[in-house]
Amino acid sequence: MKATPEHNERMAKMTFASVYPHYITKIERKGRNIEELHHVITWLTGFDVDDMQRLINEKATFEQFFQQANLNPNAHLIKGSICGYRIEDIENPLTRQIRYLDKLVDELAKGKPMEKILRTT
């Protein structure tokens, strides 16, 4: 499945603040906690909790969010399908980064151990 330019643009303009509450709902419904969610987001982006709150308050788009992020060098190890797309086949770098985050949240919600989610040995 190939993402269209319109799809990529729509994802870029979505705000982190609009998606973040859904992440919380998803992981808490499955028995995980917000500290674990923050740990995963920090691992991927380098943001601490204060950074995340600032980005939420600023209503930063995902484009702005990932421009400010310091992406983890092991992020390329995140593979698999999310929302019908194979992450490793997504050509648009920003869309791929957004899907990295989605995949990590999904893995957290599915109960994967943190070391597997964070791609540690």
N, C-alpha and C. Protein backbone atom coordinates (compact mmCIF):
# COMPACT_ATOMS: atom_id res chain seq x y z
N MET A 1 0.85 -1.18 0.00
CA MET A 1 0.00 0.00 0.00
C MET A 1 0.89 1.24 0.00
N LYS A 2 0.68 2.10 -0.95
CA LYS A 2 1.51 3.30 -1.08
C LYS A 2 0.71 4.51 -0.58
N ALA A 3 1.33 5.27 0.31
CA ALA A 3 0.68 6.47 0.84
C ALA A 3 0.69 7.56 -0.22
N THR A 4 -0.41 8.26 -0.32
CA THR A 4 -0.51 9.36 -1.28
C THR A 4 0.09 10.62 -0.67
N PRO A 5 0.44 11.58 -1.51
CA PRO A 5 0.93 12.86 -0.98
C PRO A 5 -0.10 13.53 -0.05
N GLU A 6 -1.37 13.36 -0.36
CA GLU A 6 -2.43 13.94 0.49
C GLU A 6 -2.43 13.28 1.87
N HIS A 7 -2.24 11.96 1.89
CA HIS A 7 -2.18 11.23 3.16
C HIS A 7 -0.99 11.72 3.98
N ASN A 8 0.16 11.85 3.35
CA ASN A 8 1.36 12.32 4.05
C ASN A 8 1.16 13.73 4.60
N GLU A 9 0.55 14.59 3.82
CA GLU A 9 0.30 15.97 4.25
C GLU A 9 -0.68 16.00 5.42
N ARG A 10 -1.72 15.18 5.37
CA ARG A 10 -2.71 15.13 6.44
C ARG A 10 -2.03 14.68 7.75
N MET A 11 -1.17 13.68 7.65
CA MET A 11 -0.46 13.21 8.84
C MET A 11 0.48 14.28 9.39
N ALA A 12 1.17 14.98 8.52
CA ALA A 12 2.11 16.02 8.94
C ALA A 12 1.40 17.14 9.70
N LYS A 13 0.18 17.45 9.31
CA LYS A 13 -0.56 18.57 9.90
C LYS A 13 -1.36 18.18 11.15
N MET A 14 -1.47 16.88 11.44
CA MET A 14 -2.13 16.44 12.65
C MET A 14 -1.32 16.90 13.86
N THR A 15 -1.98 17.27 14.93
CA THR A 15 -1.25 17.70 16.11
C THR A 15 -0.99 16.53 17.05
N PHE A 16 0.16 16.60 17.71
CA PHE A 16 0.48 15.61 18.73
C PHE A 16 -0.57 15.66 19.84
N ALA A 17 -1.03 16.86 20.18
CA ALA A 17 -2.04 17.04 21.23
C ALA A 17 -3.34 16.32 20.91
N SER A 18 -3.68 16.20 19.64
CA SER A 18 -4.94 15.53 19.27
C SER A 18 -4.83 14.01 19.35
N VAL A 19 -3.63 13.48 19.24
CA VAL A 19 -3.43 12.03 19.21
C VAL A 19 -3.01 11.49 20.59
N TYR A 20 -2.29 12.28 21.33
CA TYR A 20 -1.76 11.86 22.63
C TYR A 20 -2.83 11.26 23.56
N PRO A 21 -4.01 11.89 23.72
CA PRO A 21 -5.03 11.28 24.60
C PRO A 21 -5.46 9.88 24.12
N HIS A 22 -5.44 9.67 22.82
CA HIS A 22 -5.79 8.35 22.28
C HIS A 22 -4.73 7.32 22.64
N TYR A 23 -3.47 7.74 22.61
CA TYR A 23 -2.39 6.85 23.05
C TYR A 23 -2.62 6.43 24.50
N ILE A 24 -2.94 7.40 25.35
CA ILE A 24 -3.16 7.11 26.77
C ILE A 24 -4.32 6.14 26.95
N THR A 25 -5.43 6.42 26.29
CA THR A 25 -6.61 5.55 26.39
C THR A 25 -6.26 4.13 25.95
N LYS A 26 -5.57 4.02 24.85
CA LYS A 26 -5.22 2.71 24.29
C LYS A 26 -4.37 1.89 25.25
N ILE A 27 -3.33 2.50 25.80
CA ILE A 27 -2.42 1.72 26.65
C ILE A 27 -3.04 1.44 28.02
N GLU A 28 -3.80 2.40 28.57
CA GLU A 28 -4.41 2.18 29.88
C GLU A 28 -5.50 1.12 29.81
N ARG A 29 -6.22 1.07 28.71
CA ARG A 29 -7.26 0.06 28.51
C ARG A 29 -6.66 -1.35 28.55
N LYS A 30 -5.39 -1.44 28.17
CA LYS A 30 -4.70 -2.73 28.13
C LYS A 30 -3.83 -2.97 29.37
N GLY A 31 -3.98 -2.12 30.39
CA GLY A 31 -3.28 -2.35 31.64
C GLY A 31 -1.87 -1.77 31.73
N ARG A 32 -1.50 -0.95 30.78
CA ARG A 32 -0.18 -0.28 30.84
C ARG A 32 -0.40 1.10 31.44
N ASN A 33 0.70 1.79 31.77
CA ASN A 33 0.53 3.09 32.42
C ASN A 33 1.22 4.21 31.65
N ILE A 34 0.89 5.42 32.05
CA ILE A 34 1.37 6.60 31.34
C ILE A 34 2.89 6.75 31.44
N GLU A 35 3.47 6.29 32.54
CA GLU A 35 4.93 6.35 32.67
C GLU A 35 5.60 5.49 31.60
N GLU A 36 5.01 4.33 31.32
CA GLU A 36 5.55 3.46 30.27
C GLU A 36 5.41 4.13 28.90
N LEU A 37 4.27 4.79 28.68
CA LEU A 37 4.08 5.52 27.42
C LEU A 37 5.14 6.60 27.28
N HIS A 38 5.36 7.35 28.34
CA HIS A 38 6.38 8.40 28.29
C HIS A 38 7.77 7.83 28.05
N HIS A 39 8.04 6.69 28.64
CA HIS A 39 9.34 6.03 28.44
C HIS A 39 9.55 5.70 26.96
N VAL A 40 8.50 5.17 26.33
CA VAL A 40 8.57 4.81 24.91
C VAL A 40 8.76 6.05 24.04
N ILE A 41 7.99 7.10 24.32
CA ILE A 41 8.10 8.33 23.53
C ILE A 41 9.49 8.95 23.72
N THR A 42 10.00 8.94 24.94
CA THR A 42 11.33 9.46 25.22
C THR A 42 12.39 8.67 24.46
N TRP A 43 12.27 7.36 24.47
CA TRP A 43 13.23 6.52 23.76
C TRP A 43 13.28 6.89 22.27
N LEU A 44 12.10 7.05 21.66
CA LEU A 44 12.05 7.34 20.23
C LEU A 44 12.50 8.76 19.91
N THR A 45 12.09 9.73 20.71
CA THR A 45 12.25 11.14 20.33
C THR A 45 13.31 11.92 21.12
N GLY A 46 13.66 11.43 22.28
CA GLY A 46 14.56 12.18 23.15
C GLY A 46 13.84 13.21 24.00
N PHE A 47 12.52 13.35 23.84
CA PHE A 47 11.75 14.32 24.63
C PHE A 47 11.54 13.80 26.04
N ASP A 48 11.63 14.72 27.02
CA ASP A 48 11.22 14.36 28.37
C ASP A 48 9.76 14.79 28.55
N VAL A 49 9.21 14.54 29.73
CA VAL A 49 7.80 14.84 29.98
C VAL A 49 7.51 16.33 29.79
N ASP A 50 8.43 17.19 30.23
CA ASP A 50 8.23 18.64 30.06
C ASP A 50 8.18 19.02 28.58
N ASP A 51 9.05 18.41 27.78
CA ASP A 51 9.05 18.67 26.33
C ASP A 51 7.71 18.26 25.72
N MET A 52 7.24 17.07 26.13
CA MET A 52 5.96 16.58 25.59
C MET A 52 4.83 17.54 25.95
N GLN A 53 4.80 17.98 27.21
CA GLN A 53 3.74 18.90 27.65
C GLN A 53 3.82 20.22 26.89
N ARG A 54 5.03 20.71 26.67
CA ARG A 54 5.20 21.96 25.90
C ARG A 54 4.65 21.78 24.49
N LEU A 55 4.96 20.66 23.85
CA LEU A 55 4.48 20.41 22.49
C LEU A 55 2.96 20.27 22.45
N ILE A 56 2.40 19.68 23.49
CA ILE A 56 0.93 19.59 23.59
C ILE A 56 0.34 20.98 23.73
N ASN A 57 0.91 21.78 24.64
CA ASN A 57 0.41 23.15 24.87
C ASN A 57 0.53 24.02 23.61
N GLU A 58 1.60 23.82 22.87
CA GLU A 58 1.82 24.59 21.64
C GLU A 58 0.98 24.08 20.47
N LYS A 59 0.33 22.95 20.68
CA LYS A 59 -0.43 22.28 19.60
C LYS A 59 0.46 22.04 18.38
N ALA A 60 1.65 21.51 18.68
CA ALA A 60 2.63 21.22 17.62
C ALA A 60 2.10 20.15 16.69
N THR A 61 2.28 20.38 15.40
CA THR A 61 1.93 19.36 14.42
C THR A 61 2.97 18.24 14.50
N PHE A 62 2.66 17.09 13.91
CA PHE A 62 3.65 16.02 13.89
C PHE A 62 4.88 16.45 13.11
N GLU A 63 4.71 17.31 12.13
CA GLU A 63 5.87 17.83 11.40
C GLU A 63 6.79 18.60 12.36
N GLN A 64 6.22 19.49 13.16
CA GLN A 64 6.99 20.26 14.13
C GLN A 64 7.56 19.35 15.22
N PHE A 65 6.75 18.40 15.66
CA PHE A 65 7.15 17.45 16.70
C PHE A 65 8.42 16.71 16.30
N PHE A 66 8.41 16.13 15.11
CA PHE A 66 9.57 15.35 14.68
C PHE A 66 10.75 16.21 14.21
N GLN A 67 10.49 17.46 13.82
CA GLN A 67 11.60 18.37 13.52
C GLN A 67 12.41 18.65 14.78
N GLN A 68 11.73 18.69 15.92
CA GLN A 68 12.40 18.98 17.18
C GLN A 68 12.95 17.73 17.87
N ALA A 69 12.54 16.57 17.40
CA ALA A 69 12.95 15.31 18.03
C ALA A 69 14.39 14.95 17.68
N ASN A 70 14.99 14.21 18.58
CA ASN A 70 16.30 13.62 18.34
C ASN A 70 16.04 12.12 18.22
N LEU A 71 15.73 11.68 17.01
CA LEU A 71 15.28 10.30 16.79
C LEU A 71 16.34 9.29 17.23
N ASN A 72 15.89 8.28 17.94
CA ASN A 72 16.78 7.23 18.42
C ASN A 72 17.47 6.55 17.24
N PRO A 73 18.78 6.32 17.32
CA PRO A 73 19.49 5.69 16.21
C PRO A 73 19.01 4.26 15.90
N ASN A 74 18.31 3.63 16.84
CA ASN A 74 17.78 2.29 16.60
C ASN A 74 16.34 2.31 16.10
N ALA A 75 15.80 3.47 15.80
CA ALA A 75 14.42 3.56 15.32
C ALA A 75 14.22 2.75 14.05
N HIS A 76 15.27 2.63 13.23
CA HIS A 76 15.14 1.88 11.97
C HIS A 76 14.86 0.39 12.22
N LEU A 77 15.05 -0.06 13.46
CA LEU A 77 14.77 -1.46 13.79
C LEU A 77 13.27 -1.71 13.99
N ILE A 78 12.47 -0.64 14.03
CA ILE A 78 11.02 -0.78 14.18
C ILE A 78 10.46 -1.19 12.82
N LYS A 79 9.92 -2.39 12.79
CA LYS A 79 9.40 -2.94 11.53
C LYS A 79 8.02 -3.53 11.77
N GLY A 80 7.36 -3.87 10.69
CA GLY A 80 6.04 -4.48 10.79
C GLY A 80 4.98 -3.61 10.18
N SER A 81 3.75 -4.03 10.34
CA SER A 81 2.61 -3.32 9.75
C SER A 81 1.91 -2.48 10.80
N ILE A 82 1.47 -1.33 10.35
CA ILE A 82 0.64 -0.45 11.18
C ILE A 82 -0.33 0.26 10.25
N CYS A 83 -1.60 0.16 10.55
CA CYS A 83 -2.65 0.80 9.75
C CYS A 83 -2.57 0.41 8.27
N GLY A 84 -2.20 -0.83 8.02
CA GLY A 84 -2.15 -1.32 6.65
C GLY A 84 -0.89 -0.99 5.88
N TYR A 85 0.08 -0.37 6.54
CA TYR A 85 1.33 0.00 5.88
C TYR A 85 2.49 -0.76 6.53
N ARG A 86 3.40 -1.27 5.72
CA ARG A 86 4.64 -1.85 6.25
C ARG A 86 5.57 -0.68 6.52
N ILE A 87 5.97 -0.52 7.75
CA ILE A 87 6.76 0.64 8.15
C ILE A 87 8.02 0.77 7.31
N GLU A 88 8.70 -0.35 7.10
CA GLU A 88 9.97 -0.30 6.37
C GLU A 88 9.79 0.08 4.89
N ASP A 89 8.56 0.04 4.39
CA ASP A 89 8.30 0.39 2.99
C ASP A 89 7.79 1.82 2.81
N ILE A 90 7.57 2.54 3.91
CA ILE A 90 7.07 3.91 3.82
C ILE A 90 8.20 4.82 3.35
N GLU A 91 7.99 5.49 2.22
CA GLU A 91 9.03 6.31 1.61
C GLU A 91 9.17 7.68 2.27
N ASN A 92 8.06 8.28 2.66
CA ASN A 92 8.10 9.62 3.25
C ASN A 92 8.68 9.52 4.66
N PRO A 93 9.81 10.19 4.93
CA PRO A 93 10.47 10.07 6.24
C PRO A 93 9.58 10.48 7.42
N LEU A 94 8.82 11.56 7.28
CA LEU A 94 7.97 12.00 8.37
C LEU A 94 6.86 10.99 8.64
N THR A 95 6.21 10.50 7.61
CA THR A 95 5.16 9.50 7.78
C THR A 95 5.73 8.25 8.44
N ARG A 96 6.93 7.86 8.05
CA ARG A 96 7.58 6.69 8.66
C ARG A 96 7.82 6.94 10.16
N GLN A 97 8.27 8.14 10.51
CA GLN A 97 8.52 8.46 11.92
C GLN A 97 7.23 8.43 12.74
N ILE A 98 6.15 8.96 12.17
CA ILE A 98 4.85 8.93 12.86
C ILE A 98 4.41 7.49 13.07
N ARG A 99 4.62 6.66 12.05
CA ARG A 99 4.25 5.24 12.16
C ARG A 99 5.15 4.49 13.13
N TYR A 100 6.40 4.92 13.28
CA TYR A 100 7.27 4.35 14.32
C TYR A 100 6.59 4.53 15.69
N LEU A 101 6.15 5.75 15.95
CA LEU A 101 5.51 6.05 17.22
C LEU A 101 4.23 5.23 17.39
N ASP A 102 3.42 5.17 16.35
CA ASP A 102 2.19 4.37 16.40
C ASP A 102 2.50 2.91 16.72
N LYS A 103 3.52 2.37 16.08
CA LYS A 103 3.90 0.97 16.28
C LYS A 103 4.35 0.72 17.71
N LEU A 104 5.16 1.63 18.26
CA LEU A 104 5.62 1.47 19.64
C LEU A 104 4.45 1.50 20.62
N VAL A 105 3.49 2.39 20.40
CA VAL A 105 2.30 2.47 21.25
C VAL A 105 1.49 1.18 21.12
N ASP A 106 1.35 0.66 19.92
CA ASP A 106 0.64 -0.61 19.72
C ASP A 106 1.33 -1.75 20.46
N GLU A 107 2.65 -1.81 20.35
CA GLU A 107 3.39 -2.88 21.03
C GLU A 107 3.23 -2.77 22.54
N LEU A 108 3.25 -1.55 23.06
CA LEU A 108 3.05 -1.33 24.49
C LEU A 108 1.66 -1.82 24.89
N ALA A 109 0.65 -1.45 24.12
CA ALA A 109 -0.73 -1.86 24.41
C ALA A 109 -0.90 -3.37 24.32
N LYS A 110 -0.15 -4.01 23.46
CA LYS A 110 -0.26 -5.47 23.30
C LYS A 110 0.48 -6.24 24.38
N GLY A 111 1.15 -5.51 25.28
CA GLY A 111 1.80 -6.16 26.41
C GLY A 111 3.21 -6.65 26.15
N LYS A 112 3.81 -6.21 25.07
CA LYS A 112 5.19 -6.60 24.81
C LYS A 112 6.10 -6.11 25.93
N PRO A 113 7.14 -6.88 26.25
CA PRO A 113 8.09 -6.41 27.26
C PRO A 113 8.82 -5.15 26.78
N MET A 114 9.13 -4.28 27.71
CA MET A 114 9.75 -3.00 27.37
C MET A 114 11.06 -3.19 26.60
N GLU A 115 11.86 -4.21 26.97
CA GLU A 115 13.14 -4.37 26.26
C GLU A 115 12.94 -4.69 24.79
N LYS A 116 11.86 -5.40 24.45
CA LYS A 116 11.58 -5.68 23.04
C LYS A 116 11.07 -4.43 22.32
N ILE A 117 10.22 -3.67 23.01
CA ILE A 117 9.69 -2.44 22.43
C ILE A 117 10.83 -1.47 22.12
N LEU A 118 11.78 -1.38 23.04
CA LEU A 118 12.88 -0.42 22.90
C LEU A 118 14.06 -0.97 22.12
N ARG A 119 13.87 -2.15 21.53
CA ARG A 119 14.87 -2.77 20.66
C ARG A 119 16.23 -2.87 21.35
N THR A 120 16.21 -3.34 22.61
CA THR A 120 17.47 -3.57 23.32
C THR A 120 17.80 -5.05 23.27
N THR A 121 19.06 -5.38 23.47
CA THR A 121 19.47 -6.79 23.39
C THR A 121 19.23 -7.50 24.69
